[in-house]
Amino acid sequence: MYKFLMVIEKSKTGYSAYSPDLPGCVASGKTEKDVEKLMYEAIEIHIQGLLEDGISIPEPTSTSVYAIISKSAGQTA
């Protein structure tokens, strides 16, 4: 079982997504839910393509952490 990080970003026209561990594996959609579904499909297709080409599936190395910063950060008194 593999666990790939999926990065979803808001764009001017909807949402886009990519996986840092799978270069070239991207998706876009109108809603966050749409792009997440499409990205799952893109990852599956990407991995199938790697296997068909005799390329090993890369080990996932990316993780995520949220940096929560207060709105007053960086303000001086």
N, C-alpha and C. Protein backbone atom coordinates (compact mmCIF):
# COMPACT_ATOMS: atom_id res chain seq x y z
N MET A 1 0.85 -1.19 0.00
CA MET A 1 0.00 0.00 0.00
C MET A 1 0.89 1.24 0.00
N TYR A 2 0.53 2.19 -0.83
CA TYR A 2 1.27 3.44 -0.91
C TYR A 2 0.38 4.58 -0.41
N LYS A 3 1.01 5.60 0.13
CA LYS A 3 0.30 6.76 0.64
C LYS A 3 0.97 8.01 0.07
N PHE A 4 0.37 8.57 -1.00
CA PHE A 4 0.94 9.73 -1.67
C PHE A 4 0.26 11.01 -1.22
N LEU A 5 1.06 12.02 -0.95
CA LEU A 5 0.53 13.33 -0.61
C LEU A 5 -0.13 13.95 -1.83
N MET A 6 -1.30 14.53 -1.63
CA MET A 6 -2.03 15.21 -2.68
C MET A 6 -2.15 16.68 -2.25
N VAL A 7 -1.60 17.59 -3.04
CA VAL A 7 -1.67 19.02 -2.73
C VAL A 7 -2.78 19.62 -3.59
N ILE A 8 -3.74 20.27 -2.93
CA ILE A 8 -4.85 20.90 -3.65
C ILE A 8 -4.75 22.41 -3.43
N GLU A 9 -4.83 23.15 -4.53
CA GLU A 9 -4.72 24.60 -4.47
C GLU A 9 -5.90 25.24 -5.18
N LYS A 10 -6.39 26.35 -4.64
CA LYS A 10 -7.45 27.12 -5.28
C LYS A 10 -6.83 27.92 -6.41
N SER A 11 -7.55 27.97 -7.54
CA SER A 11 -7.09 28.76 -8.69
C SER A 11 -8.19 29.76 -9.05
N LYS A 12 -7.95 30.57 -10.07
CA LYS A 12 -8.95 31.55 -10.50
C LYS A 12 -10.21 30.89 -11.04
N THR A 13 -10.06 29.69 -11.60
CA THR A 13 -11.20 29.02 -12.23
C THR A 13 -11.70 27.78 -11.49
N GLY A 14 -11.12 27.45 -10.37
CA GLY A 14 -11.52 26.26 -9.63
C GLY A 14 -10.42 25.79 -8.71
N TYR A 15 -10.00 24.54 -8.90
CA TYR A 15 -8.96 23.95 -8.06
C TYR A 15 -8.01 23.13 -8.93
N SER A 16 -6.76 23.04 -8.49
CA SER A 16 -5.79 22.18 -9.14
C SER A 16 -5.11 21.34 -8.07
N ALA A 17 -4.53 20.22 -8.49
CA ALA A 17 -3.89 19.31 -7.54
C ALA A 17 -2.68 18.66 -8.19
N TYR A 18 -1.73 18.28 -7.33
CA TYR A 18 -0.55 17.54 -7.79
C TYR A 18 -0.03 16.70 -6.63
N SER A 19 0.83 15.76 -6.97
CA SER A 19 1.49 14.94 -5.95
C SER A 19 3.00 15.14 -6.10
N PRO A 20 3.65 15.68 -5.07
CA PRO A 20 5.10 15.94 -5.16
C PRO A 20 5.93 14.70 -5.46
N ASP A 21 5.45 13.53 -5.07
CA ASP A 21 6.21 12.30 -5.28
C ASP A 21 5.97 11.66 -6.65
N LEU A 22 5.03 12.22 -7.42
CA LEU A 22 4.73 11.70 -8.75
C LEU A 22 4.78 12.84 -9.76
N PRO A 23 5.98 13.25 -10.17
CA PRO A 23 6.11 14.38 -11.10
C PRO A 23 5.25 14.18 -12.35
N GLY A 24 4.54 15.23 -12.71
CA GLY A 24 3.69 15.19 -13.89
C GLY A 24 2.29 14.68 -13.63
N CYS A 25 2.02 14.23 -12.43
CA CYS A 25 0.69 13.73 -12.08
C CYS A 25 -0.11 14.89 -11.51
N VAL A 26 -1.05 15.39 -12.31
CA VAL A 26 -1.82 16.59 -11.94
C VAL A 26 -3.29 16.40 -12.31
N ALA A 27 -4.13 17.25 -11.72
CA ALA A 27 -5.56 17.26 -12.06
C ALA A 27 -6.10 18.65 -11.78
N SER A 28 -7.24 18.96 -12.40
CA SER A 28 -7.92 20.22 -12.10
C SER A 28 -9.42 19.98 -12.17
N GLY A 29 -10.15 20.80 -11.42
CA GLY A 29 -11.60 20.66 -11.39
C GLY A 29 -12.26 21.91 -10.86
N LYS A 30 -13.59 21.95 -10.97
CA LYS A 30 -14.34 23.13 -10.55
C LYS A 30 -14.43 23.25 -9.03
N THR A 31 -14.54 22.12 -8.33
CA THR A 31 -14.66 22.14 -6.87
C THR A 31 -13.52 21.34 -6.25
N GLU A 32 -13.32 21.55 -4.96
CA GLU A 32 -12.28 20.80 -4.25
C GLU A 32 -12.59 19.30 -4.28
N LYS A 33 -13.87 18.96 -4.12
CA LYS A 33 -14.28 17.56 -4.15
C LYS A 33 -14.01 16.95 -5.53
N ASP A 34 -14.32 17.70 -6.60
CA ASP A 34 -14.07 17.22 -7.96
C ASP A 34 -12.59 16.94 -8.18
N VAL A 35 -11.74 17.90 -7.80
CA VAL A 35 -10.31 17.74 -8.07
C VAL A 35 -9.72 16.61 -7.23
N GLU A 36 -10.23 16.40 -6.04
CA GLU A 36 -9.74 15.29 -5.22
C GLU A 36 -10.05 13.96 -5.89
N LYS A 37 -11.28 13.81 -6.37
CA LYS A 37 -11.68 12.58 -7.07
C LYS A 37 -10.83 12.37 -8.32
N LEU A 38 -10.66 13.44 -9.09
CA LEU A 38 -9.88 13.34 -10.32
C LEU A 38 -8.41 13.04 -10.03
N MET A 39 -7.90 13.56 -8.93
CA MET A 39 -6.50 13.30 -8.58
C MET A 39 -6.30 11.85 -8.17
N TYR A 40 -7.26 11.26 -7.44
CA TYR A 40 -7.17 9.83 -7.12
C TYR A 40 -7.07 9.02 -8.41
N GLU A 41 -7.92 9.37 -9.38
CA GLU A 41 -7.91 8.67 -10.66
C GLU A 41 -6.58 8.90 -11.39
N ALA A 42 -6.08 10.13 -11.35
CA ALA A 42 -4.81 10.44 -12.01
C ALA A 42 -3.66 9.65 -11.40
N ILE A 43 -3.65 9.51 -10.08
CA ILE A 43 -2.59 8.74 -9.41
C ILE A 43 -2.66 7.29 -9.84
N GLU A 44 -3.86 6.71 -9.88
CA GLU A 44 -4.00 5.32 -10.30
C GLU A 44 -3.50 5.13 -11.74
N ILE A 45 -3.88 6.03 -12.62
CA ILE A 45 -3.45 5.94 -14.03
C ILE A 45 -1.94 6.12 -14.14
N HIS A 46 -1.41 7.06 -13.38
CA HIS A 46 0.04 7.32 -13.39
C HIS A 46 0.81 6.06 -12.96
N ILE A 47 0.35 5.45 -11.89
CA ILE A 47 1.03 4.24 -11.38
C ILE A 47 0.90 3.09 -12.39
N GLN A 48 -0.28 2.93 -13.00
CA GLN A 48 -0.44 1.90 -14.03
C GLN A 48 0.53 2.12 -15.17
N GLY A 49 0.70 3.37 -15.57
CA GLY A 49 1.63 3.70 -16.65
C GLY A 49 3.07 3.37 -16.29
N LEU A 50 3.45 3.69 -15.05
CA LEU A 50 4.80 3.35 -14.60
C LEU A 50 5.04 1.85 -14.68
N LEU A 51 4.08 1.08 -14.16
CA LEU A 51 4.20 -0.38 -14.16
C LEU A 51 4.27 -0.94 -15.58
N GLU A 52 3.43 -0.40 -16.48
CA GLU A 52 3.44 -0.86 -17.88
C GLU A 52 4.77 -0.56 -18.56
N ASP A 53 5.41 0.52 -18.15
CA ASP A 53 6.70 0.89 -18.72
C ASP A 53 7.88 0.24 -18.00
N GLY A 54 7.59 -0.61 -17.02
CA GLY A 54 8.64 -1.30 -16.28
C GLY A 54 9.38 -0.40 -15.30
N ILE A 55 8.76 0.69 -14.90
CA ILE A 55 9.37 1.62 -13.96
C ILE A 55 8.79 1.35 -12.57
N SER A 56 9.65 1.29 -11.58
CA SER A 56 9.17 1.00 -10.24
C SER A 56 8.41 2.20 -9.66
N ILE A 57 7.47 1.92 -8.81
CA ILE A 57 6.68 2.95 -8.17
C ILE A 57 7.56 3.63 -7.11
N PRO A 58 7.67 4.95 -7.15
CA PRO A 58 8.53 5.63 -6.17
C PRO A 58 7.96 5.51 -4.76
N GLU A 59 8.85 5.42 -3.80
CA GLU A 59 8.42 5.42 -2.41
C GLU A 59 7.98 6.83 -2.04
N PRO A 60 6.81 6.97 -1.45
CA PRO A 60 6.37 8.29 -1.02
C PRO A 60 7.31 8.88 0.03
N THR A 61 7.67 10.14 -0.13
CA THR A 61 8.55 10.80 0.83
C THR A 61 7.96 12.09 1.37
N SER A 62 6.91 12.60 0.73
CA SER A 62 6.32 13.87 1.13
C SER A 62 5.31 13.69 2.26
N THR A 63 5.30 14.64 3.16
CA THR A 63 4.31 14.69 4.23
C THR A 63 3.78 16.11 4.32
N SER A 64 2.83 16.33 5.18
CA SER A 64 2.31 17.69 5.32
C SER A 64 2.15 18.06 6.78
N VAL A 65 2.32 19.34 7.03
CA VAL A 65 2.15 19.91 8.36
C VAL A 65 1.59 21.31 8.14
N TYR A 66 0.60 21.67 8.91
CA TYR A 66 0.06 23.04 8.82
C TYR A 66 0.85 23.95 9.74
N ALA A 67 1.17 25.13 9.25
CA ALA A 67 1.76 26.18 10.07
C ALA A 67 0.62 27.14 10.40
N ILE A 68 0.25 27.20 11.65
CA ILE A 68 -0.85 28.06 12.06
C ILE A 68 -0.24 29.31 12.68
N ILE A 69 -0.47 30.42 12.03
CA ILE A 69 0.12 31.69 12.42
C ILE A 69 -1.01 32.67 12.76
N SER A 70 -0.90 33.37 13.87
CA SER A 70 -1.94 34.33 14.23
C SER A 70 -1.93 35.51 13.27
N LYS A 71 -3.05 36.16 13.14
CA LYS A 71 -3.16 37.30 12.24
C LYS A 71 -2.24 38.44 12.69
N SER A 72 -1.92 38.49 13.96
CA SER A 72 -1.08 39.59 14.46
C SER A 72 0.42 39.29 14.31
N ALA A 73 0.77 38.12 13.79
CA ALA A 73 2.18 37.78 13.63
C ALA A 73 2.86 38.80 12.73
N GLY A 74 4.02 39.25 13.12
CA GLY A 74 4.79 40.19 12.31
C GLY A 74 4.43 41.63 12.53
N GLN A 75 3.39 41.90 13.29
CA GLN A 75 3.02 43.28 13.58
C GLN A 75 3.81 43.79 14.78
N THR A 76 4.21 45.02 14.70
CA THR A 76 4.93 45.61 15.83
C THR A 76 4.00 46.56 16.58
N ALA A 77 4.28 46.73 17.85
CA ALA A 77 3.42 47.59 18.69
C ALA A 77 3.65 49.04 18.42
